[in-house]
Amino acid sequence: MYNVMIVEDSKPILRNIKMLLETLSFPIRVTATATNGEEALAAIKQSPIDLLLTDIRMPKMDGLSLIEQAKIANPDLKVILISGYSDFEYTRKALNLQVFDYLLKPVEREALEEVMGRVIDQLDQQMSEELLDLQEIIHPQCETTPKQGEEFPPLFSQMMIIMSKQPFTAGHERWVQVELESIVQDFFAFHPCRVYTSQTPYQFIAFVNKSALEVYSSVHEILESLRRHLVTHDIDALIGGQLLFAESGNLPELYHRMSSILSEQQRLKQGIVLDTGNPVSMARSETGCLDPLQESAFVQMIQARQKERFALKLSELLNRWAEENVHMHEVERFIGLIVDTFAHLYEEQGSGMRLGLELRSRQFAQAQSYADFCRELAEWTGQCFDMLQSHVRKSKAILFEQIDDYVKLNKYSQLSINDIAMKFHVSPSYVSRVIKNATQITFVQYYTRLRIQEACRLMESQPDMKFKEVSDLLSFSDQHYFSKVFKEYTGLSPTDYKQQMSGIKTQS
């Protein structure tokens, strides 16, 4: 549904055009009318308008001035000019302002319908292109199709905001689309706003009508106010945003550029705000960077197996980072250096552990506080040193025994091969080979068989348990799937198996 505004100083003509539009079978609604340009411009700045039908000669502000100012507020606004025969020179000037078309007074239904049909086709194409661009940057499960009656102004007539969770802060459970959208919409009050989940974990993208800026002096001020509003809801965020215009470029490219700027500017402590459209405000210092000699010293300590000295120097570095509020980019780069060094040494011993190290290192940013991060990083590097000190790669037989014990202890959980790989500091492919070598079956078959064996034991020892209870207890997705898998492994449905067991007990 597209929003239409009619501007005409003659109220009878205005009413006639409105009546004609309402008789046409197009997805439009007349959401605003005005009798002069100043009144119309104020309305355009306050609410999303897709199509403007305006007279040329009007009091206070004529049609040409209105079009010029309205295009600044909304560059994608479609305009149809209403003019008389005597206004030809004005009409020619209006065409230079990218007016879609013009209608002569008195406006006739046939002419209006023809022009409206063409402009609606163009609006449909524009929306389709924008939705395709939007789908490239948001999570696949996000709904982009406007609901019936919902406003969907052009993206490039709005302000785009990216909100990312500040590392080492609590409140992971608050970073969900429904709750965050409610909080953000509450902040922007009467200004149209949408919030989407991006494809990056703990990151959301919002589009807000530019009218929200009218009570603020700058983009930076409104973003800072939003950040403080989120803090009152125990959400600490890094926020970047900028006004979108038709010349802003491709939406996915713009999103990735904004995300890159945010990533480069993100600090260790406290969320910040950035007007990503204003490069002057984004000078970056190199505080906290390690020089090549310092990096080399950490690498040499690992190569020399100097666990205690490494722990001491790491503690000093972590304290310095906190004092200098270092960029997160430097933290991530250092952890990557540590992963590379340990992985290289493990590979020399024939152990494919790089992926396990990388998976574990990515979890550090989800620590609830910087103190937790420091503790987890110190414990992890200590464990890496301990494994190096052994100088012996675990044999497949020993590793399988440990995996088997671990899986049996956790058969009520929904384990994945990545969980096991991370637990034993090896790659998922290596876990798969170890299990296949020991059992002649795949990990999925091995793990499922253990859970079905446990299901049989539960049904024998606790005959009053319902099948759904057994299914839920063993973390199957639903009872129907449990029954299907149970029959594949036992040859009997859970009901038949239970009856068979009851018969055996009766005979006994």
Protein backbone atom coordinates (compact mmCIF):
# COMPACT_ATOMS: atom_id res chain seq x y z
CA MET A 1 0.00 0.00 0.00
CA TYR A 2 1.48 3.33 -1.09
CA ASN A 3 0.87 6.64 0.68
CA VAL A 4 -0.38 9.49 -1.51
CA MET A 5 -0.52 13.20 -0.72
CA ILE A 6 -2.58 15.76 -2.67
CA VAL A 7 -1.63 19.47 -2.57
CA GLU A 8 -4.13 21.85 -4.16
CA ASP A 9 -5.26 25.29 -2.98
CA SER A 10 -8.72 24.84 -4.53
CA LYS A 11 -10.65 22.64 -2.11
CA PRO A 12 -13.26 21.55 -4.72
CA ILE A 13 -10.49 20.38 -7.08
CA LEU A 14 -8.68 18.69 -4.18
CA ARG A 15 -11.85 16.82 -3.18
CA ASN A 16 -12.46 15.78 -6.81
CA ILE A 17 -8.92 14.36 -7.23
CA LYS A 18 -9.18 12.54 -3.90
CA MET A 19 -12.53 11.04 -4.94
CA LEU A 20 -11.13 9.92 -8.31
CA LEU A 21 -8.10 8.28 -6.67
CA GLU A 22 -10.33 6.37 -4.26
CA THR A 23 -12.29 4.89 -7.18
CA LEU A 24 -9.14 3.47 -8.82
CA SER A 25 -8.14 -0.13 -8.11
CA PHE A 26 -4.53 0.60 -7.14
CA PRO A 27 -2.73 -0.20 -3.83
CA ILE A 28 -2.84 3.42 -2.70
CA ARG A 29 -4.38 5.49 0.06
CA VAL A 30 -4.58 9.24 0.44
CA THR A 31 -2.93 9.78 3.82
CA ALA A 32 -2.54 13.56 3.66
CA THR A 33 -3.82 16.66 1.89
CA ALA A 34 -2.71 20.28 1.98
CA THR A 35 -3.75 23.60 0.46
CA ASN A 36 -0.30 25.21 0.32
CA GLY A 37 3.34 24.18 -0.08
CA GLU A 38 4.50 24.99 3.45
CA GLU A 39 1.82 22.83 5.01
CA ALA A 40 2.62 20.01 2.57
CA LEU A 41 6.37 20.13 3.21
CA ALA A 42 5.84 19.90 6.97
CA ALA A 43 3.67 16.81 6.48
CA ILE A 44 6.21 15.16 4.15
CA LYS A 45 8.93 15.57 6.79
CA GLN A 46 6.70 14.05 9.47
CA SER A 47 5.28 10.96 7.73
CA PRO A 48 6.30 8.65 4.87
CA ILE A 49 4.84 9.75 1.53
CA ASP A 50 5.46 7.69 -1.61
CA LEU A 51 3.60 9.78 -4.19
CA LEU A 52 2.90 13.53 -4.30
CA LEU A 53 0.25 15.11 -6.53
CA THR A 54 0.69 18.86 -6.41
CA ASP A 55 -0.60 22.01 -8.06
CA ILE A 56 1.91 24.58 -9.34
CA ARG A 57 0.39 27.90 -8.30
CA MET A 58 -0.26 27.97 -4.54
CA PRO A 59 0.07 30.51 -1.72
CA LYS A 60 3.03 30.61 0.71
CA MET A 61 5.12 28.11 -1.29
CA ASP A 62 4.48 27.23 -4.93
CA GLY A 63 4.60 23.74 -6.36
CA LEU A 64 8.12 24.02 -7.80
CA SER A 65 9.60 25.11 -4.46
CA LEU A 66 7.68 22.36 -2.71
CA ILE A 67 9.02 19.70 -5.10
CA GLU A 68 12.59 20.95 -4.68
CA GLN A 69 12.39 20.88 -0.86
CA ALA A 70 10.45 17.59 -0.75
CA LYS A 71 13.11 15.89 -2.90
CA ILE A 72 15.72 16.88 -0.33
CA ALA A 73 13.67 15.27 2.44
CA ASN A 74 12.81 12.20 0.34
CA PRO A 75 14.89 11.79 -2.86
CA ASP A 76 12.81 8.78 -3.95
CA LEU A 77 9.52 10.66 -3.77
CA LYS A 78 7.46 10.31 -6.95
CA VAL A 79 5.74 13.52 -8.07
CA ILE A 80 2.84 14.11 -10.46
CA LEU A 81 2.27 17.74 -11.32
CA ILE A 82 -1.19 19.25 -11.75
CA SER A 83 -1.17 22.29 -14.00
CA GLY A 84 -3.32 24.44 -16.25
CA TYR A 85 -2.68 25.23 -19.92
CA SER A 86 -1.32 28.66 -18.97
CA ASP A 87 1.37 27.08 -16.73
CA PHE A 88 3.38 25.41 -19.50
CA GLU A 89 6.64 27.24 -18.62
CA TYR A 90 6.31 26.11 -14.97
CA THR A 91 5.63 22.57 -16.13
CA ARG A 92 8.82 22.57 -18.23
CA LYS A 93 10.87 23.68 -15.21
CA ALA A 94 9.22 21.00 -13.06
CA LEU A 95 10.35 18.29 -15.47
CA ASN A 96 13.93 19.32 -14.67
CA LEU A 97 13.14 18.47 -11.02
CA GLN A 98 12.52 14.85 -12.04
CA VAL A 99 8.74 15.06 -11.92
CA PHE A 100 7.27 11.72 -13.01
CA ASP A 101 4.55 13.25 -15.19
CA TYR A 102 1.94 15.98 -15.22
CA LEU A 103 -1.84 16.20 -15.53
CA LEU A 104 -3.81 19.08 -16.99
CA LYS A 105 -6.77 20.65 -15.23
CA PRO A 106 -9.52 19.69 -15.04
CA VAL A 107 -8.19 16.24 -14.11
CA GLU A 108 -10.05 13.47 -15.90
CA ARG A 109 -10.41 9.94 -14.59
CA GLU A 110 -8.92 8.23 -17.66
CA ALA A 111 -5.80 10.39 -17.71
CA LEU A 112 -5.35 10.00 -13.94
CA GLU A 113 -5.72 6.21 -14.15
CA GLU A 114 -3.15 5.94 -16.95
CA VAL A 115 -0.53 8.02 -15.13
CA MET A 116 -1.18 6.27 -11.81
CA GLY A 117 -0.77 2.86 -13.44
CA ARG A 118 2.69 3.78 -14.69
CA VAL A 119 3.87 5.34 -11.44
CA ILE A 120 2.63 2.35 -9.40
CA ASP A 121 4.59 0.00 -11.68
CA GLN A 122 7.72 2.04 -11.00
CA LEU A 123 7.09 2.07 -7.24
CA ASP A 124 6.55 -1.72 -7.29
CA GLN A 125 9.84 -2.24 -9.12
CA GLN A 126 11.66 0.05 -6.70
CA MET A 127 10.26 -1.81 -3.66
CA SER A 128 11.11 -5.18 -5.18
CA GLU A 129 14.73 -4.12 -5.73
CA GLU A 130 15.02 -2.74 -2.20
CA LEU A 131 13.59 -5.92 -0.66
CA LEU A 132 16.09 -8.04 -2.60
CA ASP A 133 18.94 -5.83 -1.34
CA LEU A 134 17.59 -6.05 2.20
CA GLN A 135 17.42 -9.85 2.08
CA GLU A 136 21.15 -9.93 1.30
CA ILE A 137 22.09 -8.40 4.65
CA ILE A 138 19.53 -9.73 7.13
CA HIS A 139 19.00 -13.17 8.63
CA PRO A 140 17.15 -15.56 6.27
CA GLN A 141 14.39 -16.10 8.85
CA CYS A 142 13.56 -12.38 9.02
CA GLU A 143 10.26 -11.39 7.39
CA THR A 144 10.66 -8.55 4.87
CA THR A 145 7.25 -8.54 3.20
CA PRO A 146 5.12 -5.68 4.62
CA LYS A 147 2.08 -6.83 6.56
CA GLN A 148 -1.32 -5.63 5.42
CA GLY A 149 -1.74 -1.99 6.35
CA GLU A 150 1.92 -1.67 7.36
CA GLU A 151 3.99 1.29 6.21
CA PHE A 152 7.08 0.48 4.14
CA PRO A 153 8.73 3.75 3.06
CA PRO A 154 11.68 3.58 0.62
CA LEU A 155 14.85 2.50 2.42
CA PHE A 156 16.86 5.36 0.94
CA SER A 157 14.52 7.92 2.47
CA GLN A 158 15.40 6.73 5.98
CA MET A 159 18.25 6.47 8.46
CA MET A 160 20.07 3.14 8.73
CA ILE A 161 21.35 2.07 12.16
CA ILE A 162 23.54 -0.94 13.01
CA MET A 163 23.56 -2.09 16.65
CA SER A 164 26.15 -4.63 17.83
CA LYS A 165 26.54 -6.13 21.30
CA GLN A 166 29.49 -4.71 23.17
CA PRO A 167 31.92 -7.57 24.03
CA PHE A 168 32.40 -8.63 27.62
CA THR A 169 28.98 -7.44 28.76
CA ALA A 170 26.11 -9.43 30.24
CA GLY A 171 22.59 -9.55 28.89
CA HIS A 172 22.94 -12.04 26.05
CA GLU A 173 19.28 -12.96 26.52
CA ARG A 174 18.18 -9.38 25.76
CA TRP A 175 19.69 -9.50 22.26
CA VAL A 176 16.67 -11.00 20.52
CA GLN A 177 14.73 -9.34 17.72
CA VAL A 178 11.34 -9.03 19.43
CA GLU A 179 12.66 -7.42 22.60
CA LEU A 180 15.19 -5.15 20.92
CA GLU A 181 12.65 -3.94 18.36
CA SER A 182 10.21 -3.10 21.18
CA ILE A 183 12.87 -1.07 23.01
CA VAL A 184 14.01 0.77 19.87
CA GLN A 185 10.46 1.52 18.74
CA ASP A 186 9.71 2.86 22.21
CA PHE A 187 12.68 5.23 21.85
CA PHE A 188 11.59 6.52 18.44
CA ALA A 189 7.96 6.76 19.61
CA PHE A 190 5.79 7.98 16.73
CA HIS A 191 8.45 7.73 14.02
CA PRO A 192 8.18 4.63 11.77
CA CYS A 193 10.92 2.16 12.64
CA ARG A 194 11.81 -1.45 11.77
CA VAL A 195 14.46 -3.69 13.34
CA TYR A 196 15.91 -6.75 11.59
CA THR A 197 18.31 -9.46 12.77
CA SER A 198 21.48 -9.33 10.70
CA GLN A 199 23.55 -12.33 9.59
CA THR A 200 26.19 -11.44 12.20
CA PRO A 201 25.57 -12.80 15.73
CA TYR A 202 24.34 -10.21 18.24
CA GLN A 203 23.89 -7.56 15.56
CA PHE A 204 20.69 -5.83 14.43
CA ILE A 205 19.84 -3.40 11.63
CA ALA A 206 17.20 -0.70 12.07
CA PHE A 207 15.59 1.66 9.55
CA VAL A 208 14.04 4.82 10.98
CA ASN A 209 12.17 7.64 9.29
CA LYS A 210 14.32 10.76 8.99
CA SER A 211 11.69 12.78 10.81
CA ALA A 212 13.13 11.36 14.04
CA LEU A 213 16.12 13.69 13.57
CA GLU A 214 14.09 16.89 13.81
CA VAL A 215 14.52 17.22 17.59
CA TYR A 216 18.27 16.44 17.49
CA SER A 217 21.17 18.52 16.26
CA SER A 218 22.98 15.68 14.48
CA VAL A 219 23.01 11.99 13.64
CA HIS A 220 25.61 11.48 16.36
CA GLU A 221 23.33 13.02 18.99
CA ILE A 222 20.38 10.78 18.16
CA LEU A 223 22.61 7.68 18.13
CA GLU A 224 24.10 8.59 21.51
CA SER A 225 20.61 9.12 22.93
CA LEU A 226 19.61 5.71 21.60
CA ARG A 227 22.71 4.12 23.19
CA ARG A 228 21.84 5.62 26.58
CA HIS A 229 18.25 4.43 26.19
CA LEU A 230 19.50 0.89 25.58
CA VAL A 231 21.77 1.11 28.64
CA THR A 232 18.69 1.80 30.80
CA HIS A 233 17.46 -1.62 29.62
CA ASP A 234 20.82 -3.26 30.51
CA ILE A 235 21.91 -3.40 26.87
CA ASP A 236 25.41 -2.10 26.11
CA ALA A 237 25.85 -1.60 22.38
CA LEU A 238 28.16 -0.28 19.70
CA ILE A 239 25.98 1.79 17.36
CA GLY A 240 26.69 3.17 13.91
CA GLY A 241 24.29 4.95 11.62
CA GLN A 242 23.87 7.39 8.79
CA LEU A 243 21.21 9.00 6.63
CA LEU A 244 20.45 7.17 3.40
CA PHE A 245 19.99 8.92 0.10
CA ALA A 246 19.40 7.73 -3.44
CA GLU A 247 23.07 8.42 -4.17
CA SER A 248 24.26 6.44 -1.12
CA GLY A 249 24.87 3.44 -3.38
CA ASN A 250 24.14 -0.25 -3.19
CA LEU A 251 22.55 -1.19 0.17
CA PRO A 252 24.59 -4.39 0.81
CA GLU A 253 27.84 -2.55 0.00
CA LEU A 254 26.83 0.31 2.30
CA TYR A 255 26.00 -2.14 5.10
CA HIS A 256 29.35 -3.91 4.81
CA ARG A 257 31.19 -0.58 4.77
CA MET A 258 29.36 0.55 7.91
CA SER A 259 30.02 -2.81 9.63
CA SER A 260 33.70 -2.58 8.75
CA ILE A 261 33.94 0.91 10.24
CA LEU A 262 32.24 -0.27 13.43
CA SER A 263 34.56 -3.26 13.72
CA GLU A 264 37.64 -1.07 13.30
CA GLN A 265 36.46 1.45 15.89
CA GLN A 266 35.11 -0.95 18.54
CA ARG A 267 36.77 -0.53 21.91
CA LEU A 268 37.32 -2.95 24.76
CA LYS A 269 35.14 -1.03 27.21
CA GLN A 270 31.73 0.63 26.89
CA GLY A 271 29.72 0.87 23.70
CA ILE A 272 30.29 3.89 21.46
CA VAL A 273 28.36 5.60 18.67
CA LEU A 274 29.58 6.54 15.20
CA ASP A 275 28.09 8.62 12.42
CA THR A 276 29.51 6.38 9.69
CA GLY A 277 28.64 8.98 7.08
CA ASN A 278 31.04 11.46 8.70
CA PRO A 279 34.66 10.20 8.36
CA VAL A 280 36.05 13.21 10.23
CA SER A 281 34.65 11.91 13.53
CA MET A 282 36.29 8.51 13.13
CA ALA A 283 40.01 9.04 13.55
CA ARG A 284 41.56 5.93 15.03
CA SER A 285 44.49 5.89 17.44
CA GLU A 286 46.88 2.96 17.64
CA THR A 287 46.71 2.72 21.43
CA GLY A 288 47.40 -0.77 22.74
CA CYS A 289 48.99 -2.16 19.56
CA LEU A 290 51.76 -4.70 19.97
CA ASP A 291 54.90 -3.96 18.00
CA PRO A 292 56.59 -6.78 16.03
CA LEU A 293 59.16 -7.38 18.79
CA GLN A 294 56.45 -7.86 21.44
CA GLU A 295 54.51 -10.21 19.19
CA SER A 296 57.66 -12.19 18.49
CA ALA A 297 58.33 -12.48 22.23
CA PHE A 298 54.94 -14.16 22.83
CA VAL A 299 55.52 -16.55 19.92
CA GLN A 300 58.98 -17.50 21.22
CA MET A 301 57.62 -18.18 24.73
CA ILE A 302 55.11 -20.63 23.25
CA GLN A 303 57.75 -22.31 21.09
CA ALA A 304 60.03 -22.65 24.11
CA ARG A 305 57.16 -24.07 26.25
CA GLN A 306 57.65 -21.25 28.81
CA LYS A 307 54.22 -21.58 30.39
CA GLU A 308 54.80 -19.55 33.59
CA ARG A 309 56.61 -16.68 31.85
CA PHE A 310 53.92 -16.55 29.16
CA ALA A 311 51.19 -16.41 31.82
CA LEU A 312 52.94 -13.50 33.55
CA LYS A 313 53.41 -11.49 30.35
CA LEU A 314 49.84 -12.24 29.26
CA SER A 315 48.50 -10.92 32.57
CA GLU A 316 50.53 -7.71 32.15
CA LEU A 317 49.20 -7.29 28.60
CA LEU A 318 45.57 -7.83 29.64
CA ASN A 319 45.91 -5.21 32.39
CA ARG A 320 47.44 -2.72 29.95
CA TRP A 321 44.62 -3.32 27.47
CA ALA A 322 42.06 -2.50 30.15
CA GLU A 323 43.86 0.71 31.14
CA GLU A 324 44.22 1.93 27.54
CA ASN A 325 40.74 0.78 26.40
CA VAL A 326 42.32 -0.91 23.41
CA HIS A 327 40.50 -1.53 20.12
CA MET A 328 38.83 -4.93 19.93
CA HIS A 329 40.58 -5.44 16.60
CA GLU A 330 43.90 -5.64 18.47
CA VAL A 331 42.51 -8.18 20.93
CA GLU A 332 41.22 -10.39 18.12
CA ARG A 333 44.49 -10.09 16.19
CA PHE A 334 46.52 -11.18 19.22
CA ILE A 335 44.28 -14.19 19.88
CA GLY A 336 44.63 -15.13 16.20
CA LEU A 337 48.42 -15.01 16.60
CA ILE A 338 48.23 -17.35 19.62
CA VAL A 339 45.96 -19.77 17.76
CA ASP A 340 48.31 -19.83 14.76
CA THR A 341 51.36 -20.49 16.93
CA PHE A 342 49.86 -23.33 18.96
CA ALA A 343 48.22 -24.84 15.85
CA HIS A 344 51.54 -24.88 14.00
CA LEU A 345 53.25 -26.72 16.87
CA TYR A 346 50.40 -29.24 17.13
CA GLU A 347 50.57 -29.85 13.39
CA GLU A 348 54.28 -30.63 13.71
CA GLN A 349 53.25 -33.42 16.08
CA GLY A 350 50.68 -34.68 13.57
CA SER A 351 47.59 -33.46 15.44
CA GLY A 352 44.90 -31.69 13.43
CA MET A 353 43.80 -29.27 16.14
CA ARG A 354 43.62 -25.89 14.38
CA LEU A 355 39.85 -25.92 13.92
CA GLY A 356 39.28 -26.86 17.56
CA LEU A 357 41.48 -23.97 18.67
CA GLU A 358 39.69 -21.53 16.37
CA LEU A 359 36.24 -22.64 17.53
CA ARG A 360 37.26 -22.18 21.15
CA SER A 361 38.86 -18.78 20.57
CA ARG A 362 35.66 -17.41 19.00
CA GLN A 363 33.82 -18.00 22.25
CA PHE A 364 35.99 -15.60 24.24
CA ALA A 365 34.11 -12.52 22.98
CA GLN A 366 30.91 -13.91 24.55
CA ALA A 367 32.33 -13.69 28.09
CA GLN A 368 30.01 -11.88 30.52
CA SER A 369 32.76 -9.48 31.61
CA TYR A 370 36.35 -8.56 30.78
CA ALA A 371 37.47 -10.30 33.98
CA ASP A 372 35.80 -13.50 32.77
CA PHE A 373 37.49 -13.10 29.40
CA CYS A 374 40.91 -12.71 31.03
CA ARG A 375 40.35 -15.79 33.20
CA GLU A 376 39.12 -17.92 30.29
CA LEU A 377 41.97 -16.84 28.03
CA ALA A 378 44.56 -17.60 30.75
CA GLU A 379 43.01 -21.03 31.44
CA TRP A 380 42.84 -21.87 27.74
CA THR A 381 46.46 -20.95 27.01
CA GLY A 382 47.49 -22.95 30.08
CA GLN A 383 45.67 -26.00 28.72
CA CYS A 384 47.36 -25.52 25.35
CA PHE A 385 50.76 -25.49 27.04
CA ASP A 386 49.87 -28.66 28.98
CA MET A 387 49.01 -30.48 25.78
CA LEU A 388 52.29 -29.38 24.21
CA GLN A 389 54.24 -30.60 27.21
CA SER A 390 52.94 -34.13 26.79
CA HIS A 391 54.78 -34.40 23.42
CA VAL A 392 52.55 -37.34 22.66
CA ARG A 393 49.54 -37.35 20.47
CA LYS A 394 46.68 -39.30 21.94
CA SER A 395 46.29 -42.64 20.23
CA LYS A 396 43.00 -43.36 18.51
CA ALA A 397 42.18 -46.16 20.95
CA ILE A 398 42.75 -44.02 24.05
CA LEU A 399 40.94 -41.07 22.54
CA PHE A 400 37.94 -43.22 21.63
CA GLU A 401 37.70 -44.54 25.19
CA GLN A 402 37.62 -40.97 26.47
CA ILE A 403 35.09 -39.92 23.83
CA ASP A 404 32.94 -42.97 24.61
CA ASP A 405 32.94 -42.17 28.34
CA TYR A 406 32.12 -38.52 27.64
CA VAL A 407 29.26 -39.32 25.25
CA LYS A 408 27.74 -41.86 27.66
CA LEU A 409 27.81 -39.27 30.42
CA ASN A 410 26.08 -36.77 28.13
CA LYS A 411 23.65 -39.01 26.25
CA TYR A 412 20.74 -36.97 27.61
CA SER A 413 22.10 -33.86 25.90
CA GLN A 414 22.04 -32.91 22.24
CA LEU A 415 25.73 -33.42 21.52
CA SER A 416 27.28 -32.55 18.18
CA ILE A 417 30.56 -33.66 16.68
CA ASN A 418 31.79 -30.06 17.10
CA ASP A 419 31.09 -30.24 20.86
CA ILE A 420 33.27 -33.34 21.13
CA ALA A 421 35.99 -31.81 18.94
CA MET A 422 36.10 -28.73 21.14
CA LYS A 423 36.16 -30.83 24.33
CA PHE A 424 39.17 -32.91 23.22
CA HIS A 425 40.95 -30.17 21.23
CA VAL A 426 40.89 -31.99 17.90
CA SER A 427 39.14 -31.37 14.60
CA PRO A 428 35.61 -32.70 13.92
CA SER A 429 36.94 -34.74 10.99
CA TYR A 430 39.45 -36.43 13.30
CA VAL A 431 36.68 -37.29 15.81
CA SER A 432 34.70 -38.79 12.93
CA ARG A 433 37.65 -40.95 11.85
CA VAL A 434 38.35 -42.15 15.41
CA ILE A 435 34.72 -43.21 15.96
CA LYS A 436 34.46 -44.87 12.53
CA ASN A 437 37.69 -46.75 13.14
CA ALA A 438 36.52 -48.06 16.54
CA THR A 439 32.85 -48.80 15.79
CA GLN A 440 32.65 -49.17 11.96
CA ILE A 441 29.75 -46.70 11.97
CA THR A 442 29.40 -42.92 11.71
CA PHE A 443 29.23 -40.57 14.69
CA VAL A 444 25.49 -39.98 14.16
CA GLN A 445 24.80 -43.74 14.05
CA TYR A 446 27.03 -44.34 17.09
CA TYR A 447 25.46 -41.55 19.16
CA THR A 448 21.90 -42.45 18.12
CA ARG A 449 22.47 -46.10 18.98
CA LEU A 450 23.61 -45.13 22.49
CA ARG A 451 20.48 -43.02 23.00
CA ILE A 452 18.16 -45.77 21.71
CA GLN A 453 19.87 -48.27 24.04
CA GLU A 454 19.22 -45.85 26.90
CA ALA A 455 15.58 -45.49 25.78
CA CYS A 456 15.18 -49.29 25.94
CA ARG A 457 16.69 -49.35 29.42
CA LEU A 458 14.32 -46.61 30.61
CA MET A 459 11.29 -48.38 29.16
CA GLU A 460 12.31 -51.62 30.90
CA SER A 461 13.17 -50.08 34.27
CA GLN A 462 10.35 -47.48 34.31
CA PRO A 463 7.42 -48.99 32.36
CA ASP A 464 5.09 -46.17 33.46
CA MET A 465 7.09 -43.55 31.58
CA LYS A 466 5.30 -42.12 28.56
CA PHE A 467 7.02 -42.25 25.20
CA LYS A 468 7.01 -38.44 24.99
CA GLU A 469 8.81 -38.27 28.33
CA VAL A 470 11.47 -40.65 27.08
CA SER A 471 11.77 -38.69 23.82
CA ASP A 472 12.12 -35.33 25.61
CA LEU A 473 14.55 -36.74 28.19
CA LEU A 474 16.87 -37.96 25.44
CA SER A 475 16.62 -34.67 23.51
CA PHE A 476 14.86 -35.96 20.40
CA SER A 477 13.18 -33.19 18.43
CA ASP A 478 9.69 -34.72 18.81
CA GLN A 479 7.93 -37.96 19.67
CA HIS A 480 7.20 -38.86 16.03
CA TYR A 481 10.88 -38.64 15.10
CA PHE A 482 11.82 -40.65 18.21
CA SER A 483 9.41 -43.45 17.23
CA LYS A 484 10.77 -43.53 13.69
CA VAL A 485 14.41 -43.76 14.84
CA PHE A 486 13.53 -46.29 17.55
CA LYS A 487 12.02 -48.64 14.96
CA GLU A 488 15.00 -48.23 12.63
CA TYR A 489 17.37 -49.39 15.37
CA THR A 490 15.28 -52.04 17.15
CA GLY A 491 12.94 -53.26 14.43
CA LEU A 492 9.96 -52.50 16.66
CA SER A 493 7.89 -49.42 17.42
CA PRO A 494 8.09 -48.18 21.03
CA THR A 495 4.58 -49.57 21.64
CA ASP A 496 5.44 -53.02 20.24
CA TYR A 497 8.70 -53.06 22.15
CA LYS A 498 6.94 -52.22 25.41
CA GLN A 499 4.33 -54.94 24.80
CA GLN A 500 7.05 -57.46 24.03
CA MET A 501 8.89 -56.60 27.23
CA SER A 502 5.63 -56.90 29.19
CA GLY A 503 5.03 -60.36 27.69
CA ILE A 504 8.50 -61.55 28.59
CA LYS A 505 8.04 -60.40 32.18
CA THR A 506 4.63 -62.12 32.39
CA GLN A 507 6.12 -65.44 31.21
CA SER A 508 8.91 -65.12 33.71
